Amino acid sequence: MLCGTTDAQAQRSSQNLFRGGSIEVDLGGAWQTRVALGSLSAPLTGNQGAPVVDLFDTSTAIEAFPAVEARLGVHVSSVFEIEGGFRFARPRLETRITGDFENAPDITASETYSQYAIELNGVVHLTALRFGNGVPFIFGGVGYLRELHDGRELVETGEQAQGGAGIKVLFMRSPRGLVRSVGIRADARVYARRRGVEIDPDEPVRLHGGAGAALVIGF
């Protein structure tokens, strides 16, 4: 009876794509969409009673950018996973200056800076929707942003929340050995960031999207 129970448990374990207690490492890249930071005007206030004149207008945004990222996850069970992630990117901050009072041509000023992000996510694998060696998943969590301008003389920090959905497909699975599985991961994401690189003193929450793909290695 004991032998039969052990065999049944082993069979169920082999049928699961992920084992409770196993470790997963994801190495890949991501793409994040443009983050609009809003518009400002430069008013000129004259003598009392004189109208206020806008010298020029500016609109600022963090342009869409690629990133490299790595994730380390621990599978609590075949369904639930806790993962930590690190992302590095070099976004471009772009400010467009228009509507000059003296009719000067429009110009665009830009700066490239370094962005570091640390994330902590909970992942739920939708095993009921599994197909072969692939399974959809959803995830959500929080993160910390550290953004350094060129020369590293100005450091800005912020927070973010993120969530999304994707799919993992395993190409290789083994019941023994150091590496138990190899596959790929792809997902789409939504970010809500606050502070960090920002022009609005009220520091509103900024929404933007993203997507990522990575090599999945299970231990």
N, C-alpha and C. Protein backbone atom coordinates (compact mmCIF):
# COMPACT_ATOMS: atom_id res chain seq x y z
N MET A 1 0.83 -1.20 0.00
CA MET A 1 0.00 0.00 0.00
C MET A 1 0.86 1.26 0.00
N LEU A 2 1.90 1.29 0.84
CA LEU A 2 2.80 2.44 0.92
C LEU A 2 3.50 2.66 -0.40
N CYS A 3 3.94 1.56 -1.02
CA CYS A 3 4.63 1.65 -2.31
C CYS A 3 3.69 2.22 -3.37
N GLY A 4 2.43 1.78 -3.37
CA GLY A 4 1.46 2.27 -4.33
C GLY A 4 1.19 3.75 -4.15
N THR A 5 1.10 4.20 -2.89
CA THR A 5 0.88 5.62 -2.62
C THR A 5 2.05 6.46 -3.09
N THR A 6 3.26 6.00 -2.83
CA THR A 6 4.46 6.72 -3.26
C THR A 6 4.53 6.83 -4.77
N ASP A 7 4.20 5.74 -5.46
CA ASP A 7 4.22 5.76 -6.92
C ASP A 7 3.18 6.74 -7.48
N ALA A 8 2.02 6.78 -6.85
CA ALA A 8 0.96 7.68 -7.32
C ALA A 8 1.38 9.13 -7.12
N GLN A 9 2.02 9.43 -5.97
CA GLN A 9 2.48 10.79 -5.72
C GLN A 9 3.56 11.19 -6.71
N ALA A 10 4.46 10.27 -7.01
CA ALA A 10 5.53 10.56 -7.97
C ALA A 10 4.96 10.82 -9.35
N GLN A 11 3.89 10.05 -9.71
CA GLN A 11 3.29 10.24 -11.02
C GLN A 11 2.62 11.60 -11.13
N ARG A 12 1.89 11.99 -10.06
CA ARG A 12 1.25 13.30 -10.07
C ARG A 12 2.29 14.41 -10.14
N SER A 13 3.42 14.23 -9.41
CA SER A 13 4.48 15.23 -9.43
C SER A 13 5.07 15.38 -10.82
N SER A 14 5.25 14.25 -11.52
CA SER A 14 5.83 14.32 -12.86
C SER A 14 4.87 14.95 -13.85
N GLN A 15 3.55 14.89 -13.56
CA GLN A 15 2.58 15.49 -14.45
C GLN A 15 2.52 17.01 -14.28
N ASN A 16 2.89 17.52 -13.12
CA ASN A 16 2.91 18.95 -12.89
C ASN A 16 4.11 19.59 -13.58
N LEU A 17 3.89 20.76 -14.18
CA LEU A 17 5.00 21.45 -14.82
C LEU A 17 5.98 22.01 -13.80
N PHE A 18 5.47 22.37 -12.62
CA PHE A 18 6.32 22.96 -11.59
C PHE A 18 6.11 22.22 -10.28
N ARG A 19 7.21 21.98 -9.55
CA ARG A 19 7.17 21.28 -8.27
C ARG A 19 7.23 22.29 -7.13
N GLY A 20 6.48 22.02 -6.07
CA GLY A 20 6.59 22.83 -4.89
C GLY A 20 8.00 22.74 -4.32
N GLY A 21 8.60 23.89 -4.01
CA GLY A 21 9.96 23.92 -3.49
C GLY A 21 11.02 24.08 -4.55
N SER A 22 10.66 23.99 -5.82
CA SER A 22 11.65 24.14 -6.88
C SER A 22 11.95 25.62 -7.13
N ILE A 23 13.08 25.87 -7.78
CA ILE A 23 13.56 27.23 -8.04
C ILE A 23 13.55 27.48 -9.54
N GLU A 24 13.20 28.69 -9.92
CA GLU A 24 13.15 29.07 -11.33
C GLU A 24 13.96 30.34 -11.55
N VAL A 25 14.76 30.36 -12.59
CA VAL A 25 15.53 31.54 -12.99
C VAL A 25 15.09 31.93 -14.39
N ASP A 26 14.72 33.19 -14.57
CA ASP A 26 14.30 33.71 -15.87
C ASP A 26 15.29 34.81 -16.29
N LEU A 27 15.83 34.69 -17.48
CA LEU A 27 16.79 35.66 -18.01
C LEU A 27 16.30 36.15 -19.37
N GLY A 28 16.10 37.45 -19.51
CA GLY A 28 15.58 37.93 -20.78
C GLY A 28 15.56 39.44 -20.90
N GLY A 29 14.63 39.91 -21.70
CA GLY A 29 14.53 41.34 -21.96
C GLY A 29 13.09 41.79 -21.94
N ALA A 30 12.90 43.11 -21.97
CA ALA A 30 11.56 43.68 -21.92
C ALA A 30 11.51 44.95 -22.76
N TRP A 31 10.31 45.37 -23.05
CA TRP A 31 10.07 46.62 -23.76
C TRP A 31 9.00 47.38 -23.00
N GLN A 32 9.25 48.66 -22.71
CA GLN A 32 8.27 49.46 -22.00
C GLN A 32 7.81 50.62 -22.87
N THR A 33 6.52 50.91 -22.80
CA THR A 33 5.96 51.94 -23.66
C THR A 33 6.25 53.34 -23.11
N ARG A 34 5.94 54.30 -23.93
CA ARG A 34 6.18 55.72 -23.61
C ARG A 34 5.41 56.14 -22.36
N VAL A 35 6.06 56.96 -21.52
CA VAL A 35 5.44 57.49 -20.31
C VAL A 35 5.32 59.01 -20.47
N ALA A 36 4.11 59.50 -20.69
CA ALA A 36 3.90 60.94 -20.83
C ALA A 36 3.92 61.59 -19.45
N LEU A 37 4.75 62.62 -19.29
CA LEU A 37 4.89 63.31 -18.01
C LEU A 37 4.17 64.65 -17.96
N GLY A 38 3.50 65.01 -19.05
CA GLY A 38 2.68 66.21 -19.03
C GLY A 38 3.33 67.41 -19.69
N SER A 39 2.62 68.54 -19.62
CA SER A 39 3.04 69.78 -20.27
C SER A 39 3.11 70.92 -19.26
N LEU A 40 3.99 71.88 -19.55
CA LEU A 40 4.15 73.06 -18.71
C LEU A 40 4.32 74.29 -19.61
N SER A 41 3.98 75.45 -19.06
CA SER A 41 4.20 76.71 -19.76
C SER A 41 5.15 77.58 -18.95
N ALA A 42 5.85 78.48 -19.65
CA ALA A 42 6.76 79.42 -18.99
C ALA A 42 6.16 80.81 -19.09
N PRO A 43 5.39 81.24 -18.07
CA PRO A 43 4.71 82.53 -18.15
C PRO A 43 5.63 83.70 -17.82
N LEU A 44 5.35 84.82 -18.46
CA LEU A 44 6.05 86.07 -18.15
C LEU A 44 5.01 87.03 -17.58
N THR A 45 5.22 87.41 -16.33
CA THR A 45 4.29 88.31 -15.67
C THR A 45 4.81 89.74 -15.76
N GLY A 46 3.99 90.62 -16.35
CA GLY A 46 4.41 92.01 -16.50
C GLY A 46 4.00 92.85 -15.31
N ASN A 47 3.90 94.17 -15.54
CA ASN A 47 3.48 95.08 -14.48
C ASN A 47 2.05 94.79 -14.07
N GLN A 48 1.65 95.34 -12.95
CA GLN A 48 0.31 95.09 -12.44
C GLN A 48 -0.73 95.50 -13.47
N GLY A 49 -1.64 94.57 -13.73
CA GLY A 49 -2.69 94.82 -14.70
C GLY A 49 -2.34 94.38 -16.11
N ALA A 50 -1.06 94.12 -16.36
CA ALA A 50 -0.64 93.66 -17.69
C ALA A 50 -0.96 92.18 -17.84
N PRO A 51 -1.31 91.75 -19.04
CA PRO A 51 -1.63 90.34 -19.25
C PRO A 51 -0.39 89.45 -19.08
N VAL A 52 -0.63 88.22 -18.66
CA VAL A 52 0.45 87.23 -18.55
C VAL A 52 0.70 86.62 -19.92
N VAL A 53 1.94 86.59 -20.31
CA VAL A 53 2.32 86.06 -21.62
C VAL A 53 3.11 84.78 -21.42
N ASP A 54 2.76 83.74 -22.17
CA ASP A 54 3.51 82.48 -22.14
C ASP A 54 4.69 82.59 -23.11
N LEU A 55 5.89 82.49 -22.57
CA LEU A 55 7.08 82.58 -23.42
C LEU A 55 7.23 81.36 -24.31
N PHE A 56 6.93 80.20 -23.77
CA PHE A 56 6.98 78.96 -24.56
C PHE A 56 6.26 77.86 -23.76
N ASP A 57 5.98 76.75 -24.44
CA ASP A 57 5.35 75.58 -23.82
C ASP A 57 6.30 74.39 -23.92
N THR A 58 6.22 73.51 -22.96
CA THR A 58 7.03 72.29 -23.00
C THR A 58 6.15 71.07 -22.74
N SER A 59 6.49 69.98 -23.40
CA SER A 59 5.87 68.68 -23.13
C SER A 59 6.99 67.66 -22.96
N THR A 60 6.90 66.86 -21.91
CA THR A 60 7.99 65.95 -21.54
C THR A 60 7.48 64.52 -21.46
N ALA A 61 8.32 63.59 -21.86
CA ALA A 61 7.95 62.17 -21.81
C ALA A 61 9.21 61.32 -21.70
N ILE A 62 9.04 60.17 -21.09
CA ILE A 62 10.06 59.11 -21.15
C ILE A 62 9.71 58.27 -22.36
N GLU A 63 10.57 58.28 -23.36
CA GLU A 63 10.27 57.56 -24.59
C GLU A 63 10.34 56.04 -24.36
N ALA A 64 9.65 55.28 -25.22
CA ALA A 64 9.66 53.82 -25.12
C ALA A 64 11.10 53.31 -25.16
N PHE A 65 11.36 52.26 -24.39
CA PHE A 65 12.75 51.81 -24.26
C PHE A 65 12.83 50.31 -23.98
N PRO A 66 13.95 49.68 -24.39
CA PRO A 66 14.19 48.28 -24.06
C PRO A 66 14.89 48.16 -22.71
N ALA A 67 14.86 46.96 -22.15
CA ALA A 67 15.51 46.72 -20.86
C ALA A 67 15.97 45.26 -20.81
N VAL A 68 16.93 44.99 -19.95
CA VAL A 68 17.33 43.61 -19.65
C VAL A 68 16.86 43.32 -18.23
N GLU A 69 16.45 42.08 -17.99
CA GLU A 69 15.93 41.75 -16.68
C GLU A 69 16.22 40.29 -16.32
N ALA A 70 16.23 40.05 -15.02
CA ALA A 70 16.44 38.71 -14.49
C ALA A 70 15.45 38.50 -13.34
N ARG A 71 14.95 37.27 -13.20
CA ARG A 71 14.00 36.95 -12.15
C ARG A 71 14.42 35.66 -11.46
N LEU A 72 14.19 35.63 -10.15
CA LEU A 72 14.44 34.43 -9.36
C LEU A 72 13.14 34.09 -8.63
N GLY A 73 12.61 32.90 -8.89
CA GLY A 73 11.34 32.52 -8.30
C GLY A 73 11.43 31.23 -7.50
N VAL A 74 10.58 31.14 -6.49
CA VAL A 74 10.44 29.92 -5.69
C VAL A 74 9.00 29.44 -5.83
N HIS A 75 8.82 28.22 -6.30
CA HIS A 75 7.49 27.65 -6.46
C HIS A 75 7.01 27.12 -5.11
N VAL A 76 6.03 27.80 -4.54
CA VAL A 76 5.44 27.34 -3.28
C VAL A 76 4.66 26.06 -3.50
N SER A 77 4.04 25.94 -4.66
CA SER A 77 3.32 24.73 -5.06
C SER A 77 3.35 24.67 -6.58
N SER A 78 2.59 23.74 -7.15
CA SER A 78 2.54 23.65 -8.61
C SER A 78 1.78 24.83 -9.22
N VAL A 79 1.07 25.59 -8.38
CA VAL A 79 0.25 26.70 -8.86
C VAL A 79 0.86 28.05 -8.49
N PHE A 80 1.32 28.21 -7.25
CA PHE A 80 1.76 29.50 -6.75
C PHE A 80 3.29 29.62 -6.75
N GLU A 81 3.74 30.84 -7.08
CA GLU A 81 5.17 31.14 -7.12
C GLU A 81 5.40 32.55 -6.58
N ILE A 82 6.48 32.74 -5.87
CA ILE A 82 6.92 34.05 -5.44
C ILE A 82 8.22 34.36 -6.16
N GLU A 83 8.29 35.51 -6.83
CA GLU A 83 9.47 35.84 -7.61
C GLU A 83 9.96 37.25 -7.32
N GLY A 84 11.26 37.40 -7.34
CA GLY A 84 11.90 38.70 -7.27
C GLY A 84 12.56 38.99 -8.59
N GLY A 85 12.56 40.25 -9.00
CA GLY A 85 13.12 40.60 -10.29
C GLY A 85 14.00 41.83 -10.23
N PHE A 86 14.95 41.90 -11.17
CA PHE A 86 15.83 43.06 -11.31
C PHE A 86 15.81 43.47 -12.78
N ARG A 87 15.70 44.77 -13.03
CA ARG A 87 15.66 45.28 -14.40
C ARG A 87 16.59 46.48 -14.53
N PHE A 88 17.30 46.53 -15.66
CA PHE A 88 18.17 47.67 -15.96
C PHE A 88 17.83 48.20 -17.35
N ALA A 89 17.79 49.53 -17.46
CA ALA A 89 17.49 50.13 -18.75
C ALA A 89 18.17 51.50 -18.83
N ARG A 90 18.22 52.01 -20.07
CA ARG A 90 18.75 53.35 -20.33
C ARG A 90 17.69 54.14 -21.10
N PRO A 91 16.65 54.61 -20.43
CA PRO A 91 15.59 55.36 -21.12
C PRO A 91 16.08 56.74 -21.56
N ARG A 92 15.30 57.32 -22.48
CA ARG A 92 15.59 58.68 -22.93
C ARG A 92 14.46 59.60 -22.48
N LEU A 93 14.82 60.64 -21.75
CA LEU A 93 13.87 61.66 -21.32
C LEU A 93 13.89 62.77 -22.36
N GLU A 94 12.73 63.05 -22.94
CA GLU A 94 12.67 63.99 -24.05
C GLU A 94 11.69 65.12 -23.74
N THR A 95 12.14 66.36 -23.93
CA THR A 95 11.30 67.53 -23.73
C THR A 95 11.21 68.31 -25.04
N ARG A 96 9.98 68.54 -25.49
CA ARG A 96 9.75 69.29 -26.72
C ARG A 96 9.32 70.70 -26.35
N ILE A 97 10.02 71.70 -26.89
CA ILE A 97 9.75 73.10 -26.59
C ILE A 97 9.08 73.72 -27.81
N THR A 98 7.85 74.22 -27.62
CA THR A 98 7.06 74.75 -28.73
C THR A 98 6.45 76.10 -28.35
N GLY A 99 5.82 76.73 -29.34
CA GLY A 99 5.07 77.96 -29.10
C GLY A 99 5.89 79.10 -28.57
N ASP A 100 7.11 79.25 -29.07
CA ASP A 100 7.97 80.34 -28.59
C ASP A 100 7.35 81.70 -28.89
N PHE A 101 7.40 82.59 -27.89
CA PHE A 101 6.79 83.92 -28.00
C PHE A 101 7.39 84.72 -29.15
N GLU A 102 8.65 84.51 -29.44
CA GLU A 102 9.33 85.25 -30.51
C GLU A 102 9.40 84.45 -31.81
N ASN A 103 8.55 83.39 -31.88
CA ASN A 103 8.43 82.57 -33.09
C ASN A 103 9.72 81.82 -33.44
N ALA A 104 10.51 81.49 -32.45
CA ALA A 104 11.68 80.65 -32.69
C ALA A 104 11.21 79.24 -33.06
N PRO A 105 11.99 78.52 -33.84
CA PRO A 105 11.56 77.17 -34.23
C PRO A 105 11.46 76.24 -33.02
N ASP A 106 10.59 75.25 -33.14
CA ASP A 106 10.44 74.26 -32.08
C ASP A 106 11.73 73.45 -31.95
N ILE A 107 12.07 73.11 -30.74
CA ILE A 107 13.26 72.29 -30.52
C ILE A 107 12.94 71.16 -29.56
N THR A 108 13.78 70.14 -29.57
CA THR A 108 13.62 68.99 -28.68
C THR A 108 14.93 68.76 -27.94
N ALA A 109 14.86 68.71 -26.62
CA ALA A 109 16.02 68.42 -25.77
C ALA A 109 15.84 67.03 -25.18
N SER A 110 16.92 66.27 -25.12
CA SER A 110 16.81 64.91 -24.61
C SER A 110 17.99 64.57 -23.72
N GLU A 111 17.77 63.62 -22.86
CA GLU A 111 18.80 63.14 -21.93
C GLU A 111 18.58 61.65 -21.71
N THR A 112 19.64 60.88 -21.75
CA THR A 112 19.57 59.46 -21.45
C THR A 112 20.07 59.23 -20.03
N TYR A 113 19.33 58.46 -19.26
CA TYR A 113 19.69 58.21 -17.88
C TYR A 113 19.60 56.71 -17.58
N SER A 114 20.09 56.31 -16.42
CA SER A 114 20.08 54.89 -16.02
C SER A 114 18.91 54.62 -15.09
N GLN A 115 18.22 53.53 -15.35
CA GLN A 115 17.08 53.13 -14.50
C GLN A 115 17.33 51.72 -13.97
N TYR A 116 17.20 51.59 -12.65
CA TYR A 116 17.28 50.30 -11.98
C TYR A 116 15.94 50.03 -11.30
N ALA A 117 15.43 48.84 -11.42
CA ALA A 117 14.15 48.50 -10.79
C ALA A 117 14.27 47.15 -10.10
N ILE A 118 13.71 47.07 -8.92
CA ILE A 118 13.62 45.81 -8.17
C ILE A 118 12.15 45.51 -7.94
N GLU A 119 11.72 44.29 -8.26
CA GLU A 119 10.31 43.92 -8.15
C GLU A 119 10.13 42.71 -7.25
N LEU A 120 8.96 42.62 -6.65
CA LEU A 120 8.53 41.44 -5.91
C LEU A 120 7.11 41.11 -6.37
N ASN A 121 6.94 39.91 -6.92
CA ASN A 121 5.65 39.53 -7.51
C ASN A 121 5.14 38.21 -6.95
N GLY A 122 3.83 38.09 -6.95
CA GLY A 122 3.18 36.80 -6.75
C GLY A 122 2.69 36.31 -8.09
N VAL A 123 2.90 35.04 -8.39
CA VAL A 123 2.54 34.45 -9.68
C VAL A 123 1.57 33.30 -9.45
N VAL A 124 0.49 33.28 -10.23
CA VAL A 124 -0.47 32.18 -10.18
C VAL A 124 -0.49 31.52 -11.55
N HIS A 125 -0.14 30.23 -11.59
CA HIS A 125 -0.19 29.47 -12.84
C HIS A 125 -1.59 28.89 -13.01
N LEU A 126 -2.20 29.16 -14.15
CA LEU A 126 -3.58 28.73 -14.40
C LEU A 126 -3.56 27.31 -14.94
N THR A 127 -3.34 26.37 -14.03
CA THR A 127 -3.15 24.97 -14.43
C THR A 127 -4.38 24.38 -15.10
N ALA A 128 -5.56 24.92 -14.83
CA ALA A 128 -6.78 24.41 -15.47
C ALA A 128 -6.78 24.69 -16.97
N LEU A 129 -5.95 25.67 -17.39
CA LEU A 129 -5.86 26.02 -18.81
C LEU A 129 -4.60 25.48 -19.46
N ARG A 130 -3.93 24.59 -18.79
CA ARG A 130 -2.68 24.03 -19.31
C ARG A 130 -2.92 23.30 -20.62
N PHE A 131 -1.93 23.41 -21.53
CA PHE A 131 -1.97 22.65 -22.78
C PHE A 131 -0.57 22.09 -23.02
N GLY A 132 -0.44 20.77 -23.01
CA GLY A 132 0.86 20.14 -23.19
C GLY A 132 1.84 20.61 -22.13
N ASN A 133 2.98 21.15 -22.57
CA ASN A 133 3.98 21.69 -21.65
C ASN A 133 3.90 23.20 -21.51
N GLY A 134 2.75 23.77 -21.84
CA GLY A 134 2.54 25.21 -21.70
C GLY A 134 1.44 25.51 -20.71
N VAL A 135 1.59 26.62 -19.99
CA VAL A 135 0.57 27.02 -19.02
C VAL A 135 0.51 28.55 -18.95
N PRO A 136 -0.70 29.13 -18.98
CA PRO A 136 -0.83 30.58 -18.79
C PRO A 136 -0.61 30.94 -17.31
N PHE A 137 -0.29 32.19 -17.07
CA PHE A 137 -0.13 32.65 -15.69
C PHE A 137 -0.51 34.12 -15.59
N ILE A 138 -0.83 34.54 -14.39
CA ILE A 138 -1.06 35.95 -14.08
C ILE A 138 -0.13 36.32 -12.93
N PHE A 139 0.21 37.61 -12.83
CA PHE A 139 1.12 38.02 -11.77
C PHE A 139 0.83 39.46 -11.36
N GLY A 140 1.28 39.82 -10.18
CA GLY A 140 1.14 41.19 -9.70
C GLY A 140 2.07 41.42 -8.53
N GLY A 141 2.47 42.67 -8.34
CA GLY A 141 3.37 42.97 -7.24
C GLY A 141 3.73 44.43 -7.17
N VAL A 142 4.79 44.72 -6.45
CA VAL A 142 5.26 46.09 -6.24
C VAL A 142 6.75 46.16 -6.57
N GLY A 143 7.24 47.39 -6.74
CA GLY A 143 8.64 47.54 -7.08
C GLY A 143 9.21 48.87 -6.61
N TYR A 144 10.53 48.96 -6.69
CA TYR A 144 11.29 50.15 -6.29
C TYR A 144 12.10 50.62 -7.49
N LEU A 145 12.06 51.93 -7.76
CA LEU A 145 12.79 52.53 -8.87
C LEU A 145 13.94 53.38 -8.35
N ARG A 146 15.07 53.27 -9.01
CA ARG A 146 16.22 54.15 -8.73
C ARG A 146 16.72 54.63 -10.08
N GLU A 147 16.68 55.94 -10.30
CA GLU A 147 17.00 56.51 -11.60
C GLU A 147 18.13 57.54 -11.45
N LEU A 148 19.21 57.32 -12.21
CA LEU A 148 20.41 58.14 -12.10
C LEU A 148 20.64 58.89 -13.40
N HIS A 149 20.75 60.20 -13.29
CA HIS A 149 21.06 61.02 -14.46
C HIS A 149 22.55 60.90 -14.79
N ASP A 150 22.90 61.24 -16.03
CA ASP A 150 24.29 61.12 -16.46
C ASP A 150 25.21 61.87 -15.51
N GLY A 151 26.34 61.24 -15.20
CA GLY A 151 27.25 61.79 -14.23
C GLY A 151 26.94 61.32 -12.83
N ARG A 152 25.77 60.68 -12.66
CA ARG A 152 25.35 60.13 -11.37
C ARG A 152 25.33 61.19 -10.27
N GLU A 153 25.14 62.45 -10.67
CA GLU A 153 25.11 63.53 -9.69
C GLU A 153 23.71 63.73 -9.12
N LEU A 154 22.69 63.27 -9.85
CA LEU A 154 21.30 63.41 -9.40
C LEU A 154 20.65 62.03 -9.39
N VAL A 155 20.16 61.63 -8.23
CA VAL A 155 19.50 60.34 -8.07
C VAL A 155 18.05 60.59 -7.68
N GLU A 156 17.14 59.96 -8.39
CA GLU A 156 15.71 60.06 -8.08
C GLU A 156 15.16 58.66 -7.83
N THR A 157 14.33 58.53 -6.81
CA THR A 157 13.76 57.24 -6.46
C THR A 157 12.24 57.29 -6.54
N GLY A 158 11.64 56.14 -6.74
CA GLY A 158 10.19 56.08 -6.85
C GLY A 158 9.67 54.68 -6.57
N GLU A 159 8.36 54.54 -6.72
CA GLU A 159 7.72 53.24 -6.50
C GLU A 159 6.91 52.87 -7.74
N GLN A 160 6.62 51.60 -7.85
CA GLN A 160 5.76 51.15 -8.92
C GLN A 160 4.96 49.93 -8.46
N ALA A 161 3.82 49.75 -9.10
CA ALA A 161 3.05 48.52 -8.97
C ALA A 161 2.92 47.96 -10.37
N GLN A 162 2.90 46.66 -10.50
CA GLN A 162 2.82 46.05 -11.81
C GLN A 162 1.94 44.81 -11.77
N GLY A 163 1.37 44.50 -12.91
CA GLY A 163 0.56 43.29 -13.04
C GLY A 163 0.46 42.91 -14.50
N GLY A 164 0.17 41.66 -14.75
CA GLY A 164 0.08 41.23 -16.14
C GLY A 164 -0.27 39.77 -16.27
N ALA A 165 -0.16 39.29 -17.49
CA ALA A 165 -0.49 37.90 -17.80
C ALA A 165 0.44 37.41 -18.91
N GLY A 166 0.68 36.12 -18.93
CA GLY A 166 1.57 35.58 -19.95
C GLY A 166 1.47 34.08 -20.03
N ILE A 167 2.49 33.49 -20.59
CA ILE A 167 2.51 32.05 -20.79
C ILE A 167 3.93 31.53 -20.62
N LYS A 168 4.06 30.34 -20.06
CA LYS A 168 5.33 29.65 -19.97
C LYS A 168 5.21 28.33 -20.74
N VAL A 169 6.22 28.02 -21.52
CA VAL A 169 6.26 26.77 -22.27
C VAL A 169 7.60 26.10 -21.99
N LEU A 170 7.56 24.87 -21.51
CA LEU A 170 8.78 24.12 -21.21
C LEU A 170 9.12 23.19 -22.37
N PHE A 171 10.38 23.26 -22.84
CA PHE A 171 10.82 22.41 -23.94
C PHE A 171 11.51 21.15 -23.44
N MET A 172 12.08 21.23 -22.23
CA MET A 172 12.79 20.09 -21.67
C MET A 172 12.41 19.93 -20.21
N ARG A 173 12.10 18.69 -19.81
CA ARG A 173 11.79 18.37 -18.42
C ARG A 173 12.51 17.09 -18.03
N SER A 174 13.06 17.10 -16.81
CA SER A 174 13.78 15.92 -16.32
C SER A 174 13.45 15.71 -14.85
N PRO A 175 13.20 14.47 -14.43
CA PRO A 175 12.89 14.20 -13.02
C PRO A 175 14.11 14.24 -12.11
N ARG A 176 15.31 14.32 -12.68
CA ARG A 176 16.53 14.33 -11.86
C ARG A 176 17.58 15.22 -12.52
N GLY A 177 18.64 15.48 -11.76
CA GLY A 177 19.69 16.36 -12.26
C GLY A 177 19.55 17.76 -11.71
N LEU A 178 20.59 18.58 -11.91
CA LEU A 178 20.58 19.95 -11.40
C LEU A 178 19.53 20.79 -12.13
N VAL A 179 19.54 20.74 -13.46
CA VAL A 179 18.56 21.49 -14.26
C VAL A 179 17.40 20.55 -14.55
N ARG A 180 16.23 20.90 -14.03
CA ARG A 180 15.05 20.05 -14.19
C ARG A 180 14.19 20.44 -15.38
N SER A 181 14.29 21.70 -15.82
CA SER A 181 13.46 22.13 -16.94
C SER A 181 14.07 23.34 -17.63
N VAL A 182 13.76 23.47 -18.93
CA VAL A 182 14.19 24.62 -19.72
C VAL A 182 13.03 25.01 -20.63
N GLY A 183 12.75 26.28 -20.72
CA GLY A 183 11.66 26.74 -21.56
C GLY A 183 11.73 28.23 -21.81
N ILE A 184 10.61 28.81 -22.18
CA ILE A 184 10.52 30.25 -22.43
C ILE A 184 9.31 30.82 -21.72
N ARG A 185 9.36 32.12 -21.52
CA ARG A 185 8.28 32.86 -20.88
C ARG A 185 8.03 34.12 -21.70
N ALA A 186 6.76 34.47 -21.89
CA ALA A 186 6.39 35.72 -22.54
C ALA A 186 5.20 36.31 -21.80
N ASP A 187 5.18 37.64 -21.64
CA ASP A 187 4.09 38.25 -20.90
C ASP A 187 3.85 39.68 -21.35
N ALA A 188 2.68 40.19 -21.05
CA ALA A 188 2.32 41.59 -21.25
C ALA A 188 2.01 42.18 -19.87
N ARG A 189 2.35 43.48 -19.68
CA ARG A 189 2.28 44.07 -18.35
C ARG A 189 1.68 45.47 -18.39
N VAL A 190 1.21 45.89 -17.21
CA VAL A 190 0.79 47.27 -16.98
C VAL A 190 1.51 47.76 -15.73
N TYR A 191 2.10 48.95 -15.82
CA TYR A 191 2.81 49.54 -14.70
C TYR A 191 2.08 50.80 -14.23
N ALA A 192 2.12 51.02 -12.92
CA ALA A 192 1.68 52.28 -12.32
C ALA A 192 2.86 52.79 -11.50
N ARG A 193 3.50 53.85 -12.00
CA ARG A 193 4.70 54.37 -11.33
C ARG A 193 4.41 55.74 -10.71
N ARG A 194 5.15 56.03 -9.65
CA ARG A 194 5.01 57.32 -8.97
C ARG A 194 6.40 57.78 -8.52
N ARG A 195 6.63 59.07 -8.67
CA ARG A 195 7.92 59.71 -8.35
C ARG A 195 8.99 59.24 -9.34
N GLY A 196 10.24 59.18 -8.93
CA GLY A 196 11.31 58.94 -9.89
C GLY A 196 11.45 60.16 -10.78
N VAL A 197 11.80 59.97 -12.04
CA VAL A 197 11.89 61.08 -13.00
C VAL A 197 10.48 61.64 -13.20
N GLU A 198 10.30 62.90 -12.85
CA GLU A 198 8.96 63.50 -12.86
C GLU A 198 9.09 65.02 -12.97
N ILE A 199 8.11 65.68 -13.62
CA ILE A 199 8.12 67.14 -13.73
C ILE A 199 6.99 67.78 -12.93
N ASP A 200 6.01 67.00 -12.53
CA ASP A 200 4.86 67.52 -11.80
C ASP A 200 5.14 67.48 -10.30
N PRO A 201 5.12 68.61 -9.61
CA PRO A 201 5.39 68.59 -8.16
C PRO A 201 4.35 67.82 -7.35
N ASP A 202 3.17 67.59 -7.93
CA ASP A 202 2.16 66.80 -7.24
C ASP A 202 2.43 65.30 -7.32
N GLU A 203 3.38 64.90 -8.15
CA GLU A 203 3.82 63.51 -8.28
C GLU A 203 2.65 62.55 -8.48
N PRO A 204 1.91 62.70 -9.59
CA PRO A 204 0.79 61.80 -9.84
C PRO A 204 1.26 60.40 -10.24
N VAL A 205 0.33 59.45 -10.23
CA VAL A 205 0.63 58.09 -10.68
C VAL A 205 0.60 58.07 -12.20
N ARG A 206 1.62 57.52 -12.81
CA ARG A 206 1.72 57.43 -14.27
C ARG A 206 1.53 55.98 -14.70
N LEU A 207 0.64 55.76 -15.67
CA LEU A 207 0.38 54.42 -16.18
C LEU A 207 1.08 54.22 -17.52
N HIS A 208 1.64 53.04 -17.72
CA HIS A 208 2.20 52.68 -19.01
C HIS A 208 2.27 51.17 -19.12
N GLY A 209 2.51 50.70 -20.33
CA GLY A 209 2.51 49.26 -20.58
C GLY A 209 3.89 48.69 -20.83
N GLY A 210 3.93 47.41 -21.08
CA GLY A 210 5.20 46.75 -21.35
C GLY A 210 4.99 45.31 -21.75
N ALA A 211 6.05 44.67 -22.19
CA ALA A 211 6.03 43.27 -22.56
C ALA A 211 7.43 42.70 -22.33
N GLY A 212 7.50 41.40 -22.11
CA GLY A 212 8.79 40.78 -21.89
C GLY A 212 8.85 39.35 -22.38
N ALA A 213 10.05 38.86 -22.58
CA ALA A 213 10.28 37.48 -22.96
C ALA A 213 11.58 37.02 -22.31
N ALA A 214 11.64 35.76 -21.90
CA ALA A 214 12.82 35.29 -21.19
C ALA A 214 13.01 33.79 -21.35
N LEU A 215 14.24 33.37 -21.14
CA LEU A 215 14.58 31.96 -21.04
C LEU A 215 14.28 31.51 -19.63
N VAL A 216 13.60 30.39 -19.48
CA VAL A 216 13.21 29.86 -18.18
C VAL A 216 14.06 28.63 -17.88
N ILE A 217 14.72 28.62 -16.70
CA ILE A 217 15.54 27.50 -16.27
C ILE A 217 15.05 27.07 -14.90
N GLY A 218 14.62 25.81 -14.77
CA GLY A 218 14.12 25.30 -13.50
C GLY A 218 15.12 24.39 -12.83
N PHE A 219 15.22 24.52 -11.49
CA PHE A 219 16.17 23.71 -10.70
C PHE A 219 15.42 22.92 -9.64
